[in-house]
């Protein structure tokens, strides 16, 4: 027999959680789950994330029932799905929350814009900790084609002839640190230049300071003129030299390619399993939230000073 960690521990004053669900809702009615997975947030991560969590509508008297489960518990459950790539209904029983409840909260936080708000607040904190301005002034754009599982709707998939991939494509824009600014998911058959237009429009709506975007040669041509005219962005193409062969690190472009690698560290993001493109966008945000939360926890720890 292998020794296993206890599934839950009883609450006392020392273990009481300070999230709004436990303080004002019904979260404290349930026992605390003992951490046991690598995706469980450390105390340092939770301290960085907890103040940035969305304020629930029911506390303002805008309808809805008080939250039933601890927010840290819900976040750990979602992170487990994102990092391990499992089906929602296979969520381990020791999370003490029905998988349908976790999925419903995952969906609600995305639809209400709370997930983007949490992600963007974390990004600002990481930039400030790195000595940067909270809002960037430049970005880098790229795309990545993914194979789609059978759960992805036929209307959402396509064939990328260049990459020989049947599935979907995610278009991302990052800042100069590689932190995500915008993500949009389309069919893999959508050309990079066509997928870039809604991404750049969203970027202009959300970030007023950004004036310059670096891109590879797939975005050259009419898109450069379109970006200058319609969204007031300068699209600078970083070309690969014809004099070199093999692998070469290109200025600026390596930053966004590293971000795509970060995202792909989470198994749910290696392949597209989501029936709705919006849900894959949410998975990408969760992948970056995990990365940024851990980075903030390390920067705040005594060992890092």
Protein backbone atom coordinates (compact mmCIF):
# COMPACT_ATOMS: atom_id res chain seq x y z
CA UNK A 1 0.00 0.00 0.00
CA UNK A 2 1.23 3.46 -0.86
CA UNK A 3 0.78 6.18 1.72
CA UNK A 4 -1.45 8.96 0.47
CA UNK A 5 -1.92 12.52 1.62
CA UNK A 6 -5.20 13.30 3.38
CA UNK A 7 -7.93 14.43 1.03
CA UNK A 8 -9.06 17.25 3.31
CA UNK A 9 -8.37 18.76 6.69
CA UNK A 10 -10.80 20.41 9.09
CA UNK A 11 -10.88 24.17 9.33
CA UNK A 12 -9.62 26.25 12.22
CA UNK A 13 -8.55 29.85 12.69
CA UNK A 14 -5.07 29.16 11.32
CA UNK A 15 -6.30 27.48 8.12
CA UNK A 16 -9.22 29.82 7.43
CA UNK A 17 -9.20 31.18 3.87
CA UNK A 18 -9.68 34.90 3.26
CA UNK A 19 -11.26 34.70 -0.21
CA UNK A 20 -14.69 36.29 -0.67
CA UNK A 21 -16.37 32.88 -1.01
CA UNK A 22 -15.10 31.82 2.43
CA UNK A 23 -15.57 35.21 4.11
CA UNK A 24 -18.99 36.16 2.76
CA UNK A 25 -20.29 33.07 0.99
CA UNK A 26 -20.53 29.41 1.86
CA UNK A 27 -16.97 28.37 1.10
CA UNK A 28 -16.12 27.96 4.79
CA UNK A 29 -18.86 25.31 5.11
CA UNK A 30 -16.56 22.81 3.39
CA UNK A 31 -13.32 21.28 4.65
CA UNK A 32 -10.02 22.53 3.28
CA UNK A 33 -8.45 20.31 0.67
CA UNK A 34 -4.86 19.32 1.35
CA UNK A 35 -2.51 20.28 -1.55
CA UNK A 36 -1.12 17.25 -3.36
CA UNK A 37 -0.55 18.11 -7.05
CA UNK A 38 2.13 20.15 -8.78
CA UNK A 39 -0.58 22.45 -10.14
CA UNK A 40 -1.84 23.42 -6.68
CA UNK A 41 -1.05 27.05 -5.91
CA UNK A 42 1.59 27.76 -3.32
CA UNK A 43 0.78 30.26 -0.59
CA UNK A 44 2.96 32.78 -2.43
CA UNK A 45 1.00 32.36 -5.66
CA UNK A 46 -2.30 32.68 -3.85
CA UNK A 47 -1.18 35.86 -2.09
CA UNK A 48 -0.29 37.35 -5.48
CA UNK A 49 -3.55 36.29 -7.16
CA UNK A 50 -6.17 36.63 -4.39
CA UNK A 51 -6.36 40.48 -4.36
CA UNK A 52 -6.86 40.48 -8.14
CA UNK A 53 -9.77 38.04 -8.19
CA UNK A 54 -13.05 39.46 -9.58
CA UNK A 55 -15.53 40.85 -7.07
CA UNK A 56 -18.75 38.76 -7.22
CA UNK A 57 -21.99 40.36 -8.36
CA UNK A 58 -23.97 38.86 -5.47
CA UNK A 59 -21.99 40.92 -2.96
CA UNK A 60 -23.31 44.06 -4.68
CA UNK A 61 -26.88 42.81 -4.55
CA UNK A 62 -26.97 42.25 -8.32
CA UNK A 63 -28.44 38.78 -8.15
CA UNK A 64 -27.01 35.30 -7.87
CA UNK A 65 -26.38 33.05 -4.91
CA UNK A 66 -23.39 33.31 -2.55
CA UNK A 67 -20.49 31.23 -3.78
CA UNK A 68 -20.48 27.72 -2.38
CA UNK A 69 -16.83 26.74 -2.81
CA UNK A 70 -13.50 28.33 -1.91
CA UNK A 71 -12.02 30.27 -4.81
CA UNK A 72 -8.56 28.84 -4.25
CA UNK A 73 -10.06 25.36 -4.54
CA UNK A 74 -11.82 26.27 -7.80
CA UNK A 75 -8.65 27.77 -9.26
CA UNK A 76 -6.61 24.69 -8.33
CA UNK A 77 -9.20 22.48 -10.05
CA UNK A 78 -9.15 24.54 -13.26
CA UNK A 79 -5.35 24.64 -13.25
CA UNK A 80 -5.28 20.86 -12.90
CA UNK A 81 -7.39 20.45 -16.05
CA UNK A 82 -5.33 22.99 -18.02
CA UNK A 83 -1.96 21.57 -17.02
CA UNK A 84 -2.76 17.85 -17.22
CA UNK A 85 -5.04 17.96 -20.24
CA UNK A 86 -7.75 15.73 -18.77
CA UNK A 87 -11.47 15.72 -19.51
CA UNK A 88 -13.57 17.89 -17.20
CA UNK A 89 -15.57 14.90 -16.00
CA UNK A 90 -12.32 13.13 -14.98
CA UNK A 91 -11.45 15.79 -12.41
CA UNK A 92 -10.10 13.93 -9.34
CA UNK A 93 -12.63 13.44 -6.54
CA UNK A 94 -10.29 14.90 -3.93
CA UNK A 95 -11.07 18.41 -5.23
CA UNK A 96 -14.40 18.01 -3.40
CA UNK A 97 -16.23 20.00 -6.11
CA UNK A 98 -18.47 18.50 -8.82
CA UNK A 99 -16.79 18.82 -12.21
CA UNK A 100 -19.90 20.48 -13.63
CA UNK A 101 -19.55 23.25 -11.05
CA UNK A 102 -15.89 23.80 -11.92
CA UNK A 103 -16.70 23.91 -15.64
CA UNK A 104 -19.61 26.31 -15.05
CA UNK A 105 -17.35 28.71 -13.12
CA UNK A 106 -14.65 28.39 -15.80
CA UNK A 107 -17.25 29.39 -18.41
CA UNK A 108 -18.78 32.18 -16.34
CA UNK A 109 -15.44 33.85 -15.56
CA UNK A 110 -14.69 33.85 -19.29
CA UNK A 111 -18.08 35.17 -20.41
CA UNK A 112 -18.15 37.91 -17.76
CA UNK A 113 -14.67 39.13 -18.71
CA UNK A 114 -13.36 38.30 -15.25
CA UNK A 115 -10.68 35.98 -16.62
CA UNK A 116 -9.20 38.62 -18.92
CA UNK A 117 -9.32 41.14 -16.06
CA UNK A 118 -7.39 38.77 -13.76
CA UNK A 119 -4.89 37.95 -16.52
CA UNK A 120 -4.30 41.61 -17.41
CA UNK A 121 -3.87 42.64 -13.76
CA UNK A 122 -1.31 39.88 -13.28
CA UNK A 123 0.56 40.99 -16.40
CA UNK A 124 0.73 44.55 -15.08
CA UNK A 125 2.14 43.28 -11.79
CA UNK A 126 4.79 41.22 -13.59
CA UNK A 127 5.78 44.21 -15.74
CA UNK A 128 6.05 46.47 -12.70
CA UNK A 129 8.15 43.88 -10.87
CA UNK A 130 10.45 43.85 -13.93
CA UNK A 131 10.83 47.62 -13.81
CA UNK A 132 8.56 48.30 -16.80
CA UNK A 133 5.55 50.53 -17.31
CA UNK A 134 2.24 48.75 -16.53
CA UNK A 135 1.08 49.07 -20.15
CA UNK A 136 3.39 48.20 -23.05
CA UNK A 137 4.17 50.42 -26.04
CA UNK A 138 5.14 47.69 -28.52
CA UNK A 139 4.27 44.08 -29.29
CA UNK A 140 5.05 41.04 -31.42
CA UNK A 141 2.52 38.96 -33.37
CA UNK A 142 2.64 35.34 -34.53
CA UNK A 143 0.39 32.31 -35.00
CA UNK A 144 0.48 28.58 -34.28
CA UNK A 145 -1.53 25.81 -35.93
CA UNK A 146 -2.87 23.00 -33.73
CA UNK A 147 -4.31 19.61 -34.45
CA UNK A 148 -7.95 19.46 -33.40
CA UNK A 149 -9.56 16.62 -31.47
CA UNK A 150 -12.90 15.16 -32.49
CA UNK A 151 -14.57 17.40 -29.90
CA UNK A 152 -13.80 20.53 -31.94
CA UNK A 153 -16.77 21.60 -34.07
CA UNK A 154 -16.43 21.13 -37.82
CA UNK A 155 -17.24 24.80 -38.37
CA UNK A 156 -14.23 25.80 -36.24
CA UNK A 157 -11.55 23.71 -37.97
CA UNK A 158 -9.70 23.86 -41.26
CA UNK A 159 -6.55 22.68 -43.03
CA UNK A 160 -3.26 24.58 -42.90
CA UNK A 161 -1.56 23.52 -46.13
CA UNK A 162 1.78 25.09 -45.17
CA UNK A 163 2.04 23.24 -41.83
CA UNK A 164 0.01 20.23 -43.03
CA UNK A 165 -2.22 20.50 -39.96
CA UNK A 166 -5.95 19.81 -39.80
CA UNK A 167 -7.36 21.81 -36.92
CA UNK A 168 -7.31 25.33 -35.54
CA UNK A 169 -4.88 28.23 -35.34
CA UNK A 170 -4.26 30.60 -32.45
CA UNK A 171 -3.08 34.13 -33.24
CA UNK A 172 -1.32 35.86 -30.35
CA UNK A 173 0.18 39.27 -29.68
CA UNK A 174 2.65 39.63 -26.81
CA UNK A 175 4.62 42.47 -25.25
CA UNK A 176 8.42 42.66 -25.32
CA UNK A 177 8.63 40.43 -22.23
CA UNK A 178 6.61 37.74 -23.98
CA UNK A 179 3.51 38.32 -21.85
CA UNK A 180 0.23 37.79 -23.64
CA UNK A 181 -1.81 40.77 -24.81
CA UNK A 182 -4.33 39.26 -27.24
CA UNK A 183 -5.28 35.75 -28.33
CA UNK A 184 -7.78 34.82 -31.05
CA UNK A 185 -8.56 31.29 -32.26
CA UNK A 186 -9.61 30.60 -35.86
CA UNK A 187 -9.69 27.65 -38.23
CA UNK A 188 -6.20 26.57 -39.32
CA UNK A 189 -7.14 27.42 -42.92
CA UNK A 190 -7.29 31.15 -42.06
CA UNK A 191 -4.22 32.97 -43.41
CA UNK A 192 -2.00 34.75 -40.90
CA UNK A 193 -2.75 38.13 -42.50
CA UNK A 194 -6.52 37.56 -42.19
CA UNK A 195 -6.32 36.33 -38.61
CA UNK A 196 -4.14 39.27 -37.68
CA UNK A 197 -6.81 41.86 -38.50
CA UNK A 198 -9.25 41.06 -35.65
CA UNK A 199 -6.28 40.57 -33.31
CA UNK A 200 -4.87 44.00 -34.16
CA UNK A 201 -8.32 45.60 -33.87
CA UNK A 202 -8.72 44.12 -30.41
CA UNK A 203 -5.23 45.30 -29.50
CA UNK A 204 -6.05 48.87 -30.55
CA UNK A 205 -9.29 48.85 -28.52
CA UNK A 206 -7.53 47.67 -25.35
CA UNK A 207 -4.05 49.24 -25.44
CA UNK A 208 -3.75 52.89 -26.38
CA UNK A 209 0.02 53.19 -25.83
CA UNK A 210 1.01 50.54 -28.36
CA UNK A 211 2.17 51.97 -31.69
CA UNK A 212 4.61 49.35 -33.01
CA UNK A 213 4.16 45.65 -33.81
CA UNK A 214 6.92 43.33 -35.03
CA UNK A 215 5.98 40.39 -37.28
CA UNK A 216 7.50 37.85 -39.63
CA UNK A 217 7.26 37.85 -43.43
CA UNK A 218 3.88 36.06 -43.39
CA UNK A 219 2.34 39.40 -42.40
CA UNK A 220 4.03 41.45 -45.14
CA UNK A 221 2.13 43.12 -47.95
CA UNK A 222 -1.27 44.77 -47.77
CA UNK A 223 -1.61 44.14 -44.03
CA UNK A 224 1.13 46.68 -43.32
CA UNK A 225 -0.85 49.42 -45.08
CA UNK A 226 -4.14 48.25 -43.54
CA UNK A 227 -2.67 48.37 -40.01
CA UNK A 228 -1.38 51.91 -40.49
CA UNK A 229 -4.64 53.15 -41.97
CA UNK A 230 -7.30 51.40 -39.85
CA UNK A 231 -5.74 50.80 -36.43
CA UNK A 232 -2.86 53.31 -36.46
CA UNK A 233 -0.22 50.67 -35.84
CA UNK A 234 3.19 50.42 -37.48
CA UNK A 235 3.77 46.84 -38.58
CA UNK A 236 7.51 46.20 -38.89
CA UNK A 237 8.49 43.01 -40.70
CA UNK A 238 11.52 41.18 -39.28
CA UNK A 239 12.90 39.20 -42.21
CA UNK A 240 15.24 36.26 -42.17
CA UNK A 241 18.49 36.90 -44.01
CA UNK A 242 19.03 35.00 -47.25
CA UNK A 243 22.71 34.57 -46.36
CA UNK A 244 22.14 32.20 -43.43
CA UNK A 245 20.88 28.64 -43.21
CA UNK A 246 19.63 26.44 -40.40
CA UNK A 247 18.30 27.66 -37.08
CA UNK A 248 18.80 31.37 -36.45
CA UNK A 249 17.51 33.50 -33.58
CA UNK A 250 15.79 36.49 -35.14
CA UNK A 251 15.47 39.81 -33.31
CA UNK A 252 12.09 40.30 -31.60
CA UNK A 253 10.50 37.26 -33.24
CA UNK A 254 12.06 34.84 -30.75
CA UNK A 255 10.06 36.51 -27.95
CA UNK A 256 6.65 35.49 -29.30
CA UNK A 257 7.95 32.04 -30.28
CA UNK A 258 9.06 31.54 -26.67
CA UNK A 259 5.56 32.49 -25.51
CA UNK A 260 4.04 29.86 -27.81
CA UNK A 261 6.42 27.39 -26.17
CA UNK A 262 5.28 28.51 -22.70
CA UNK A 263 1.65 27.99 -23.66
CA UNK A 264 2.39 24.54 -25.05
CA UNK A 265 3.80 23.44 -21.69
CA UNK A 266 0.18 23.02 -20.58
CA UNK A 267 -1.16 19.81 -22.07
CA UNK A 268 -4.66 21.14 -22.68
CA UNK A 269 -3.05 23.73 -24.99
CA UNK A 270 -0.85 21.32 -26.97
CA UNK A 271 -3.88 20.22 -28.96
CA UNK A 272 -7.27 21.89 -29.35
CA UNK A 273 -9.99 19.95 -27.52
CA UNK A 274 -12.52 22.75 -27.11
CA UNK A 275 -15.85 22.71 -28.91
CA UNK A 276 -15.92 26.52 -28.79
CA UNK A 277 -12.96 28.67 -29.95
CA UNK A 278 -13.61 30.99 -26.99
CA UNK A 279 -12.88 28.16 -24.57
CA UNK A 280 -9.49 27.51 -26.14
CA UNK A 281 -8.72 31.22 -25.79
CA UNK A 282 -9.61 30.85 -22.11
CA UNK A 283 -7.26 27.86 -21.82
CA UNK A 284 -4.42 29.97 -23.23
CA UNK A 285 -5.14 32.69 -20.66
CA UNK A 286 -5.05 30.12 -17.86
CA UNK A 287 -1.70 28.85 -19.14
CA UNK A 288 -0.29 32.38 -18.85
CA UNK A 289 -1.94 32.95 -15.46
CA UNK A 290 -0.10 29.90 -14.12
CA UNK A 291 3.20 31.22 -15.48
CA UNK A 292 2.75 34.77 -14.19
CA UNK A 293 1.49 33.69 -10.76
CA UNK A 294 4.57 31.54 -10.25
CA UNK A 295 6.84 34.33 -11.46
CA UNK A 296 5.33 36.81 -9.00
CA UNK A 297 5.60 34.29 -6.16
CA UNK A 298 9.31 33.77 -6.90
CA UNK A 299 10.01 37.50 -7.06
CA UNK A 300 8.27 38.03 -3.71
CA UNK A 301 10.05 35.17 -1.92
CA UNK A 302 12.97 36.05 0.45
CA UNK A 303 15.36 33.85 -1.57
CA UNK A 304 14.88 36.03 -4.66
CA UNK A 305 15.90 39.26 -2.91
